Amino acid sequence: MEPIRRVVTGRDDRGRAVVTDDGPVDPVTLSLMPGFETIELWHTDTTPAMPDGLGGPGIPRYFPPPGGTVCRVVTFPPDAPDDGGAGTMDAASFAAALGEAQAKVPDLVARLEPDNPGMHATDSVDYGIVLDGELELELDDGATTTVRPGTVVVQRGTRHGWRNRSGRPARVAFVLVGATPAG
């Protein structure tokens, strides 16, 4: 897949609009999920205030705090076929890959359900725009909805998982807006 290019605008010392950054963004990859990429484009920790406080590149956490935002592009590799356990990582390799994932995306790992891979819920409203490929959005009851390029998913803090049964990578742009958890 093509690299993702980020163009960031700002203001010069006279207050005029200028491009402050323009270039490709390196993806975060995880040994635990070969082919998975998350490209962290921008984040804000609170409701932005003009002209400063407009966030920054990368991301200090995977999910935004209440009032914060995250913009990222995620590549989902095809789901691994059920091979009856053949080709899986040994315990030491799995432990190392899990440690890497916890270091790179700790709050993502903490939200994933160990007994139901990929399922999670967030304290955010997420806008997912399918750019390439095909995914299935799975919800609580196991029901799935197939999404393809041009589909926008509005995920409102519900438990869900993404499944790629298409045999080729799928890419989705996400904008997450942090919400205040109920209770």
N, C-alpha and C. Protein backbone atom coordinates (compact mmCIF):
# COMPACT_ATOMS: atom_id res chain seq x y z
N MET A 1 0.84 -1.18 0.00
CA MET A 1 0.00 0.00 0.00
C MET A 1 0.88 1.24 0.00
N GLU A 2 0.34 2.29 -0.57
CA GLU A 2 1.06 3.56 -0.65
C GLU A 2 1.30 4.13 0.75
N PRO A 3 2.44 4.79 0.95
CA PRO A 3 2.65 5.46 2.24
C PRO A 3 1.62 6.58 2.42
N ILE A 4 1.32 6.87 3.68
CA ILE A 4 0.41 7.97 4.00
C ILE A 4 1.23 9.24 4.16
N ARG A 5 0.83 10.29 3.47
CA ARG A 5 1.50 11.59 3.54
C ARG A 5 0.69 12.52 4.43
N ARG A 6 1.37 13.19 5.34
CA ARG A 6 0.71 14.16 6.22
C ARG A 6 1.17 15.56 5.82
N VAL A 7 0.21 16.46 5.58
CA VAL A 7 0.48 17.87 5.32
C VAL A 7 -0.16 18.63 6.47
N VAL A 8 0.65 19.40 7.20
CA VAL A 8 0.18 20.14 8.36
C VAL A 8 0.33 21.63 8.09
N THR A 9 -0.72 22.38 8.39
CA THR A 9 -0.65 23.83 8.24
C THR A 9 -0.48 24.49 9.60
N GLY A 10 -0.01 25.71 9.58
CA GLY A 10 0.17 26.51 10.78
C GLY A 10 0.25 27.96 10.38
N ARG A 11 0.85 28.77 11.25
CA ARG A 11 0.99 30.19 10.97
C ARG A 11 2.46 30.58 11.10
N ASP A 12 2.89 31.49 10.24
CA ASP A 12 4.25 32.00 10.37
C ASP A 12 4.27 33.14 11.39
N ASP A 13 5.42 33.78 11.57
CA ASP A 13 5.55 34.82 12.58
C ASP A 13 4.71 36.06 12.28
N ARG A 14 4.18 36.15 11.07
CA ARG A 14 3.28 37.27 10.72
C ARG A 14 1.81 36.85 10.74
N GLY A 15 1.55 35.59 11.16
CA GLY A 15 0.17 35.12 11.25
C GLY A 15 -0.41 34.58 9.97
N ARG A 16 0.42 34.43 8.93
CA ARG A 16 -0.07 33.91 7.65
C ARG A 16 -0.04 32.39 7.65
N ALA A 17 -1.00 31.79 6.94
CA ALA A 17 -1.06 30.34 6.83
C ALA A 17 0.12 29.82 6.01
N VAL A 18 0.78 28.79 6.55
CA VAL A 18 1.91 28.15 5.87
C VAL A 18 1.84 26.65 6.12
N VAL A 19 2.53 25.90 5.29
CA VAL A 19 2.70 24.47 5.53
C VAL A 19 3.88 24.32 6.49
N THR A 20 3.64 23.67 7.62
CA THR A 20 4.69 23.51 8.62
C THR A 20 5.34 22.12 8.57
N ASP A 21 4.65 21.16 7.96
CA ASP A 21 5.19 19.80 7.85
C ASP A 21 4.56 19.14 6.64
N ASP A 22 5.35 18.40 5.89
CA ASP A 22 4.86 17.72 4.70
C ASP A 22 5.74 16.52 4.45
N GLY A 23 5.18 15.34 4.60
CA GLY A 23 5.97 14.15 4.32
C GLY A 23 5.28 12.88 4.77
N PRO A 24 5.88 11.74 4.44
CA PRO A 24 5.29 10.46 4.82
C PRO A 24 5.40 10.24 6.33
N VAL A 25 4.49 9.45 6.86
CA VAL A 25 4.48 9.11 8.27
C VAL A 25 4.79 7.62 8.41
N ASP A 26 5.79 7.30 9.21
CA ASP A 26 6.16 5.89 9.42
C ASP A 26 5.08 5.18 10.23
N PRO A 27 4.69 3.98 9.81
CA PRO A 27 3.69 3.24 10.55
C PRO A 27 4.30 2.58 11.79
N VAL A 28 3.43 2.33 12.77
CA VAL A 28 3.79 1.49 13.91
C VAL A 28 3.36 0.08 13.53
N THR A 29 4.28 -0.86 13.62
CA THR A 29 3.97 -2.25 13.30
C THR A 29 4.16 -3.10 14.55
N LEU A 30 3.50 -4.25 14.57
CA LEU A 30 3.56 -5.14 15.72
C LEU A 30 3.87 -6.56 15.27
N SER A 31 4.89 -7.16 15.87
CA SER A 31 5.23 -8.55 15.56
C SER A 31 4.08 -9.49 15.88
N LEU A 32 3.30 -9.12 16.89
CA LEU A 32 2.18 -9.94 17.32
C LEU A 32 1.10 -10.05 16.24
N MET A 33 1.02 -9.04 15.36
CA MET A 33 0.02 -9.02 14.31
C MET A 33 0.69 -8.67 12.99
N PRO A 34 1.39 -9.62 12.37
CA PRO A 34 2.08 -9.32 11.12
C PRO A 34 1.13 -8.73 10.07
N GLY A 35 1.58 -7.65 9.44
CA GLY A 35 0.78 -6.98 8.43
C GLY A 35 -0.07 -5.84 8.97
N PHE A 36 -0.25 -5.79 10.29
CA PHE A 36 -1.01 -4.71 10.92
C PHE A 36 -0.13 -3.47 10.97
N GLU A 37 -0.71 -2.33 10.60
CA GLU A 37 -0.02 -1.05 10.70
C GLU A 37 -0.99 -0.03 11.27
N THR A 38 -0.50 0.82 12.14
CA THR A 38 -1.28 1.96 12.59
C THR A 38 -0.42 3.19 12.35
N ILE A 39 -0.98 4.11 11.62
CA ILE A 39 -0.24 5.32 11.24
C ILE A 39 -0.85 6.48 12.01
N GLU A 40 -0.13 6.93 13.01
CA GLU A 40 -0.61 7.95 13.91
C GLU A 40 -0.36 9.33 13.29
N LEU A 41 -1.43 9.99 12.88
CA LEU A 41 -1.30 11.24 12.14
C LEU A 41 -1.31 12.47 13.04
N TRP A 42 -2.22 12.52 14.01
CA TRP A 42 -2.35 13.73 14.81
C TRP A 42 -3.16 13.41 16.05
N HIS A 43 -2.99 14.23 17.09
CA HIS A 43 -3.80 14.07 18.29
C HIS A 43 -3.97 15.41 18.99
N THR A 44 -5.05 15.52 19.75
CA THR A 44 -5.22 16.64 20.68
C THR A 44 -5.66 16.02 22.00
N ASP A 45 -5.23 16.62 23.11
CA ASP A 45 -5.60 16.09 24.42
C ASP A 45 -6.83 16.76 25.02
N THR A 46 -7.18 17.92 24.49
CA THR A 46 -8.36 18.64 24.95
C THR A 46 -8.99 19.32 23.75
N THR A 47 -10.12 19.95 23.97
CA THR A 47 -10.73 20.71 22.88
C THR A 47 -9.73 21.77 22.44
N PRO A 48 -9.35 21.78 21.18
CA PRO A 48 -8.32 22.71 20.73
C PRO A 48 -8.72 24.17 20.91
N ALA A 49 -7.71 24.99 21.22
CA ALA A 49 -7.88 26.44 21.33
C ALA A 49 -6.98 27.09 20.29
N MET A 50 -7.50 28.09 19.62
CA MET A 50 -6.75 28.77 18.56
C MET A 50 -5.86 29.85 19.16
N PRO A 51 -4.71 30.19 18.66
CA PRO A 51 -4.01 29.48 17.60
C PRO A 51 -3.09 28.38 18.13
N ASP A 52 -2.85 28.36 19.45
CA ASP A 52 -1.99 27.33 20.01
C ASP A 52 -2.84 26.18 20.53
N GLY A 53 -2.20 25.15 21.01
CA GLY A 53 -2.94 24.02 21.59
C GLY A 53 -3.67 23.21 20.56
N LEU A 54 -3.16 23.21 19.35
CA LEU A 54 -3.84 22.50 18.27
C LEU A 54 -3.32 21.08 18.08
N GLY A 55 -2.66 20.54 19.09
CA GLY A 55 -2.24 19.15 19.02
C GLY A 55 -0.87 18.98 18.43
N GLY A 56 -0.57 17.73 18.09
CA GLY A 56 0.73 17.43 17.55
C GLY A 56 0.76 16.11 16.82
N PRO A 57 1.86 15.84 16.14
CA PRO A 57 1.98 14.58 15.41
C PRO A 57 2.14 13.42 16.37
N GLY A 58 1.94 12.23 15.83
CA GLY A 58 2.09 11.04 16.66
C GLY A 58 0.98 10.98 17.67
N ILE A 59 1.23 10.21 18.71
CA ILE A 59 0.18 10.03 19.70
C ILE A 59 0.76 9.56 21.02
N PRO A 60 0.36 10.17 22.12
CA PRO A 60 0.86 9.72 23.41
C PRO A 60 0.11 8.50 23.93
N ARG A 61 -1.09 8.27 23.40
CA ARG A 61 -1.89 7.11 23.79
C ARG A 61 -2.74 6.72 22.59
N TYR A 62 -3.25 5.49 22.59
CA TYR A 62 -3.99 5.02 21.43
C TYR A 62 -5.40 5.60 21.37
N PHE A 63 -6.02 5.82 22.54
CA PHE A 63 -7.37 6.36 22.59
C PHE A 63 -7.33 7.75 23.22
N PRO A 64 -8.14 8.69 22.72
CA PRO A 64 -8.08 10.07 23.24
C PRO A 64 -8.78 10.19 24.59
N PRO A 65 -8.34 11.16 25.40
CA PRO A 65 -9.06 11.46 26.63
C PRO A 65 -10.35 12.21 26.30
N PRO A 66 -11.28 12.37 27.26
CA PRO A 66 -12.49 13.13 26.98
C PRO A 66 -12.15 14.51 26.41
N GLY A 67 -12.77 14.85 25.29
CA GLY A 67 -12.52 16.12 24.63
C GLY A 67 -11.33 16.11 23.69
N GLY A 68 -10.51 15.07 23.74
CA GLY A 68 -9.36 14.96 22.85
C GLY A 68 -9.73 14.27 21.55
N THR A 69 -8.81 14.26 20.62
CA THR A 69 -9.04 13.61 19.33
C THR A 69 -7.81 12.81 18.91
N VAL A 70 -8.03 11.87 18.02
CA VAL A 70 -6.95 11.11 17.39
C VAL A 70 -7.33 10.93 15.92
N CYS A 71 -6.36 11.08 15.04
CA CYS A 71 -6.55 10.79 13.63
C CYS A 71 -5.48 9.78 13.24
N ARG A 72 -5.91 8.66 12.67
CA ARG A 72 -4.95 7.62 12.28
C ARG A 72 -5.47 6.85 11.08
N VAL A 73 -4.57 6.14 10.41
CA VAL A 73 -4.92 5.21 9.35
C VAL A 73 -4.41 3.85 9.78
N VAL A 74 -5.29 2.84 9.71
CA VAL A 74 -4.93 1.50 10.14
C VAL A 74 -5.03 0.55 8.94
N THR A 75 -4.00 -0.28 8.78
CA THR A 75 -4.04 -1.36 7.79
C THR A 75 -4.30 -2.66 8.53
N PHE A 76 -5.36 -3.35 8.15
CA PHE A 76 -5.72 -4.63 8.73
C PHE A 76 -5.29 -5.74 7.78
N PRO A 77 -4.37 -6.61 8.20
CA PRO A 77 -3.99 -7.72 7.32
C PRO A 77 -5.13 -8.73 7.26
N PRO A 78 -5.11 -9.60 6.27
CA PRO A 78 -6.13 -10.66 6.25
C PRO A 78 -6.04 -11.50 7.52
N ASP A 79 -7.20 -11.95 8.02
CA ASP A 79 -7.20 -12.83 9.18
C ASP A 79 -6.42 -14.09 8.84
N ALA A 80 -5.70 -14.61 9.84
CA ALA A 80 -4.95 -15.85 9.65
C ALA A 80 -5.94 -17.00 9.53
N PRO A 81 -5.68 -17.92 8.61
CA PRO A 81 -6.57 -19.08 8.50
C PRO A 81 -6.44 -19.93 9.76
N ASP A 82 -7.48 -20.63 10.10
CA ASP A 82 -7.42 -21.54 11.24
C ASP A 82 -6.61 -22.75 10.80
N ASP A 83 -5.38 -22.80 11.30
CA ASP A 83 -4.48 -23.87 10.87
C ASP A 83 -4.31 -24.92 11.96
N GLY A 84 -5.23 -24.94 12.92
CA GLY A 84 -5.15 -25.95 13.97
C GLY A 84 -3.96 -25.75 14.88
N GLY A 85 -3.39 -24.55 14.91
CA GLY A 85 -2.25 -24.29 15.80
C GLY A 85 -0.92 -24.38 15.10
N ALA A 86 -0.86 -24.86 13.88
CA ALA A 86 0.41 -24.94 13.16
C ALA A 86 0.86 -23.54 12.79
N GLY A 87 2.11 -23.26 12.95
CA GLY A 87 2.66 -21.98 12.55
C GLY A 87 2.46 -20.88 13.57
N THR A 88 1.95 -21.21 14.75
CA THR A 88 1.78 -20.18 15.76
C THR A 88 3.11 -19.95 16.46
N MET A 89 3.20 -18.83 17.17
CA MET A 89 4.44 -18.47 17.88
C MET A 89 4.64 -19.36 19.09
N ASP A 90 5.92 -19.65 19.38
CA ASP A 90 6.20 -20.35 20.63
C ASP A 90 6.02 -19.38 21.78
N ALA A 91 6.00 -19.87 23.01
CA ALA A 91 5.69 -19.05 24.18
C ALA A 91 6.65 -17.87 24.32
N ALA A 92 7.93 -18.09 24.09
CA ALA A 92 8.91 -17.01 24.24
C ALA A 92 8.71 -15.93 23.18
N SER A 93 8.45 -16.34 21.94
CA SER A 93 8.22 -15.37 20.86
C SER A 93 6.93 -14.59 21.11
N PHE A 94 5.90 -15.29 21.59
CA PHE A 94 4.64 -14.62 21.89
C PHE A 94 4.84 -13.60 23.00
N ALA A 95 5.56 -13.98 24.05
CA ALA A 95 5.81 -13.07 25.17
C ALA A 95 6.56 -11.83 24.70
N ALA A 96 7.55 -12.02 23.83
CA ALA A 96 8.32 -10.89 23.30
C ALA A 96 7.44 -9.99 22.44
N ALA A 97 6.59 -10.59 21.59
CA ALA A 97 5.71 -9.81 20.72
C ALA A 97 4.66 -9.07 21.54
N LEU A 98 4.16 -9.69 22.59
CA LEU A 98 3.19 -9.04 23.47
C LEU A 98 3.85 -7.87 24.20
N GLY A 99 5.08 -8.05 24.65
CA GLY A 99 5.82 -6.96 25.29
C GLY A 99 6.03 -5.79 24.35
N GLU A 100 6.35 -6.08 23.09
CA GLU A 100 6.52 -5.03 22.08
C GLU A 100 5.21 -4.27 21.89
N ALA A 101 4.09 -5.00 21.77
CA ALA A 101 2.78 -4.36 21.59
C ALA A 101 2.42 -3.50 22.80
N GLN A 102 2.71 -4.00 24.00
CA GLN A 102 2.40 -3.22 25.20
C GLN A 102 3.25 -1.95 25.27
N ALA A 103 4.47 -2.00 24.75
CA ALA A 103 5.33 -0.81 24.74
C ALA A 103 4.87 0.21 23.69
N LYS A 104 4.43 -0.26 22.52
CA LYS A 104 4.07 0.64 21.42
C LYS A 104 2.64 1.17 21.52
N VAL A 105 1.70 0.34 21.94
CA VAL A 105 0.29 0.72 21.99
C VAL A 105 -0.35 0.17 23.27
N PRO A 106 0.13 0.63 24.44
CA PRO A 106 -0.30 0.01 25.70
C PRO A 106 -1.80 0.06 25.96
N ASP A 107 -2.44 1.19 25.68
CA ASP A 107 -3.86 1.22 26.00
C ASP A 107 -4.71 0.45 24.99
N LEU A 108 -4.21 0.18 23.79
CA LEU A 108 -4.91 -0.72 22.87
C LEU A 108 -4.86 -2.14 23.42
N VAL A 109 -3.68 -2.59 23.80
CA VAL A 109 -3.52 -3.95 24.33
C VAL A 109 -4.41 -4.14 25.57
N ALA A 110 -4.47 -3.12 26.42
CA ALA A 110 -5.27 -3.22 27.64
C ALA A 110 -6.76 -3.34 27.35
N ARG A 111 -7.22 -2.81 26.23
CA ARG A 111 -8.65 -2.85 25.89
C ARG A 111 -9.06 -4.12 25.15
N LEU A 112 -8.10 -4.80 24.53
CA LEU A 112 -8.45 -6.00 23.76
C LEU A 112 -8.81 -7.15 24.71
N GLU A 113 -9.83 -7.90 24.33
CA GLU A 113 -10.29 -9.01 25.16
C GLU A 113 -9.47 -10.26 24.86
N PRO A 114 -8.75 -10.79 25.86
CA PRO A 114 -7.90 -11.95 25.61
C PRO A 114 -8.66 -13.18 25.11
N ASP A 115 -9.91 -13.35 25.56
CA ASP A 115 -10.68 -14.53 25.17
C ASP A 115 -11.45 -14.34 23.87
N ASN A 116 -11.42 -13.14 23.33
CA ASN A 116 -12.14 -12.86 22.09
C ASN A 116 -11.30 -11.88 21.28
N PRO A 117 -10.27 -12.37 20.59
CA PRO A 117 -9.30 -11.50 19.91
C PRO A 117 -9.95 -10.43 19.04
N GLY A 118 -9.45 -9.21 19.24
CA GLY A 118 -9.90 -8.08 18.44
C GLY A 118 -11.09 -7.34 19.00
N MET A 119 -11.86 -7.97 19.88
CA MET A 119 -13.03 -7.30 20.43
C MET A 119 -12.59 -6.29 21.49
N HIS A 120 -13.24 -5.11 21.47
CA HIS A 120 -12.92 -4.05 22.41
C HIS A 120 -14.02 -3.00 22.37
N ALA A 121 -14.02 -2.13 23.37
CA ALA A 121 -14.91 -0.97 23.40
C ALA A 121 -14.07 0.23 23.78
N THR A 122 -14.49 1.39 23.34
CA THR A 122 -13.74 2.62 23.62
C THR A 122 -14.67 3.67 24.21
N ASP A 123 -14.08 4.62 24.91
CA ASP A 123 -14.81 5.78 25.42
C ASP A 123 -14.64 6.91 24.40
N SER A 124 -15.20 6.69 23.22
CA SER A 124 -15.05 7.67 22.14
C SER A 124 -16.12 7.46 21.09
N VAL A 125 -16.32 8.50 20.30
CA VAL A 125 -17.09 8.38 19.06
C VAL A 125 -16.05 8.27 17.97
N ASP A 126 -16.11 7.20 17.19
CA ASP A 126 -15.12 6.94 16.15
C ASP A 126 -15.77 7.02 14.78
N TYR A 127 -15.11 7.74 13.89
CA TYR A 127 -15.55 7.80 12.50
C TYR A 127 -14.54 7.01 11.70
N GLY A 128 -14.96 5.88 11.13
CA GLY A 128 -14.08 5.04 10.33
C GLY A 128 -14.45 5.14 8.87
N ILE A 129 -13.51 5.57 8.04
CA ILE A 129 -13.76 5.73 6.61
C ILE A 129 -12.94 4.67 5.87
N VAL A 130 -13.61 3.73 5.25
CA VAL A 130 -12.92 2.65 4.56
C VAL A 130 -12.31 3.21 3.28
N LEU A 131 -10.98 3.08 3.18
CA LEU A 131 -10.24 3.59 2.02
C LEU A 131 -9.97 2.51 0.98
N ASP A 132 -9.67 1.30 1.46
CA ASP A 132 -9.28 0.22 0.55
C ASP A 132 -9.61 -1.11 1.19
N GLY A 133 -10.00 -2.08 0.39
CA GLY A 133 -10.25 -3.43 0.88
C GLY A 133 -11.65 -3.60 1.44
N GLU A 134 -11.80 -4.69 2.20
CA GLU A 134 -13.11 -5.06 2.74
C GLU A 134 -12.93 -5.63 4.14
N LEU A 135 -13.78 -5.20 5.05
CA LEU A 135 -13.76 -5.68 6.43
C LEU A 135 -15.15 -6.06 6.87
N GLU A 136 -15.21 -6.85 7.92
CA GLU A 136 -16.48 -7.11 8.60
C GLU A 136 -16.40 -6.46 9.97
N LEU A 137 -17.42 -5.68 10.30
CA LEU A 137 -17.57 -5.09 11.62
C LEU A 137 -18.41 -6.07 12.42
N GLU A 138 -17.81 -6.62 13.50
CA GLU A 138 -18.52 -7.57 14.35
C GLU A 138 -18.94 -6.85 15.63
N LEU A 139 -20.18 -7.10 16.07
CA LEU A 139 -20.69 -6.50 17.29
C LEU A 139 -20.94 -7.57 18.34
N ASP A 140 -21.48 -7.15 19.50
CA ASP A 140 -21.68 -8.03 20.66
C ASP A 140 -22.26 -9.41 20.35
N ASP A 141 -23.32 -9.42 19.56
CA ASP A 141 -24.05 -10.66 19.35
C ASP A 141 -23.45 -11.53 18.24
N GLY A 142 -22.29 -11.13 17.72
CA GLY A 142 -21.66 -11.90 16.65
C GLY A 142 -22.14 -11.50 15.26
N ALA A 143 -23.13 -10.63 15.19
CA ALA A 143 -23.61 -10.16 13.90
C ALA A 143 -22.52 -9.34 13.22
N THR A 144 -22.40 -9.46 11.90
CA THR A 144 -21.38 -8.72 11.16
C THR A 144 -22.03 -7.89 10.06
N THR A 145 -21.37 -6.78 9.76
CA THR A 145 -21.75 -5.91 8.66
C THR A 145 -20.51 -5.72 7.80
N THR A 146 -20.61 -6.01 6.51
CA THR A 146 -19.48 -5.86 5.59
C THR A 146 -19.36 -4.40 5.17
N VAL A 147 -18.12 -3.88 5.23
CA VAL A 147 -17.86 -2.50 4.82
C VAL A 147 -16.78 -2.50 3.74
N ARG A 148 -16.96 -1.63 2.76
CA ARG A 148 -16.04 -1.51 1.62
C ARG A 148 -15.70 -0.04 1.40
N PRO A 149 -14.78 0.27 0.48
CA PRO A 149 -14.41 1.67 0.23
C PRO A 149 -15.64 2.54 0.01
N GLY A 150 -15.60 3.71 0.64
CA GLY A 150 -16.70 4.65 0.56
C GLY A 150 -17.67 4.52 1.72
N THR A 151 -17.53 3.47 2.52
CA THR A 151 -18.38 3.30 3.70
C THR A 151 -17.80 4.09 4.86
N VAL A 152 -18.66 4.77 5.61
CA VAL A 152 -18.27 5.46 6.83
C VAL A 152 -19.00 4.78 7.99
N VAL A 153 -18.24 4.32 8.97
CA VAL A 153 -18.80 3.69 10.16
C VAL A 153 -18.73 4.70 11.30
N VAL A 154 -19.86 4.92 11.97
CA VAL A 154 -19.88 5.78 13.15
C VAL A 154 -20.01 4.84 14.34
N GLN A 155 -18.92 4.68 15.06
CA GLN A 155 -18.82 3.74 16.18
C GLN A 155 -19.01 4.55 17.47
N ARG A 156 -20.08 4.30 18.20
CA ARG A 156 -20.44 5.15 19.34
C ARG A 156 -20.19 4.46 20.67
N GLY A 157 -18.93 4.12 20.92
CA GLY A 157 -18.53 3.54 22.20
C GLY A 157 -18.99 2.12 22.43
N THR A 158 -19.43 1.44 21.39
CA THR A 158 -19.93 0.07 21.55
C THR A 158 -18.82 -0.94 21.36
N ARG A 159 -19.03 -2.12 21.94
CA ARG A 159 -18.08 -3.23 21.83
C ARG A 159 -18.11 -3.73 20.39
N HIS A 160 -16.90 -3.90 19.82
CA HIS A 160 -16.81 -4.30 18.42
C HIS A 160 -15.44 -4.92 18.12
N GLY A 161 -15.33 -5.49 16.95
CA GLY A 161 -14.06 -6.00 16.43
C GLY A 161 -14.08 -5.92 14.91
N TRP A 162 -12.89 -5.82 14.34
CA TRP A 162 -12.75 -5.76 12.88
C TRP A 162 -12.21 -7.09 12.40
N ARG A 163 -12.84 -7.69 11.40
CA ARG A 163 -12.42 -8.97 10.84
C ARG A 163 -12.12 -8.77 9.35
N ASN A 164 -10.97 -9.27 8.92
CA ASN A 164 -10.61 -9.17 7.51
C ASN A 164 -10.55 -10.57 6.93
N ARG A 165 -11.64 -11.00 6.34
CA ARG A 165 -11.74 -12.33 5.74
C ARG A 165 -11.60 -12.27 4.22
N SER A 166 -11.12 -11.13 3.71
CA SER A 166 -11.09 -10.91 2.26
C SER A 166 -9.87 -11.51 1.57
N GLY A 167 -8.83 -11.82 2.33
CA GLY A 167 -7.62 -12.37 1.71
C GLY A 167 -6.62 -11.31 1.27
N ARG A 168 -6.95 -10.01 1.46
CA ARG A 168 -6.00 -8.95 1.14
C ARG A 168 -6.11 -7.84 2.19
N PRO A 169 -5.07 -7.02 2.34
CA PRO A 169 -5.12 -5.96 3.35
C PRO A 169 -6.27 -4.98 3.10
N ALA A 170 -6.75 -4.41 4.20
CA ALA A 170 -7.77 -3.36 4.14
C ALA A 170 -7.25 -2.16 4.92
N ARG A 171 -7.58 -0.97 4.46
CA ARG A 171 -7.09 0.26 5.09
C ARG A 171 -8.28 1.16 5.44
N VAL A 172 -8.25 1.66 6.68
CA VAL A 172 -9.33 2.51 7.18
C VAL A 172 -8.73 3.75 7.84
N ALA A 173 -9.28 4.92 7.53
CA ALA A 173 -8.92 6.16 8.23
C ALA A 173 -9.90 6.32 9.38
N PHE A 174 -9.36 6.59 10.58
CA PHE A 174 -10.19 6.76 11.77
C PHE A 174 -9.96 8.14 12.37
N VAL A 175 -11.05 8.78 12.80
CA VAL A 175 -10.99 9.96 13.63
C VAL A 175 -11.76 9.60 14.90
N LEU A 176 -11.08 9.64 16.04
CA LEU A 176 -11.69 9.32 17.33
C LEU A 176 -11.84 10.61 18.13
N VAL A 177 -13.01 10.79 18.71
CA VAL A 177 -13.29 11.94 19.56
C VAL A 177 -13.58 11.39 20.95
N GLY A 178 -12.71 11.74 21.92
CA GLY A 178 -12.84 11.22 23.27
C GLY A 178 -14.13 11.68 23.94
N ALA A 179 -14.80 10.73 24.60
CA ALA A 179 -16.06 11.01 25.29
C ALA A 179 -15.88 10.76 26.79
N THR A 180 -16.76 11.32 27.57
CA THR A 180 -16.75 11.08 29.00
C THR A 180 -17.48 9.77 29.25
N PRO A 181 -16.83 8.80 29.92
CA PRO A 181 -17.49 7.51 30.16
C PRO A 181 -18.73 7.68 31.04
N ALA A 182 -19.73 6.85 30.81
CA ALA A 182 -20.94 6.86 31.64
C ALA A 182 -20.59 6.33 33.02
N GLY A 183 -21.28 6.86 34.02
CA GLY A 183 -21.08 6.34 35.39
C GLY A 183 -19.92 6.92 36.01
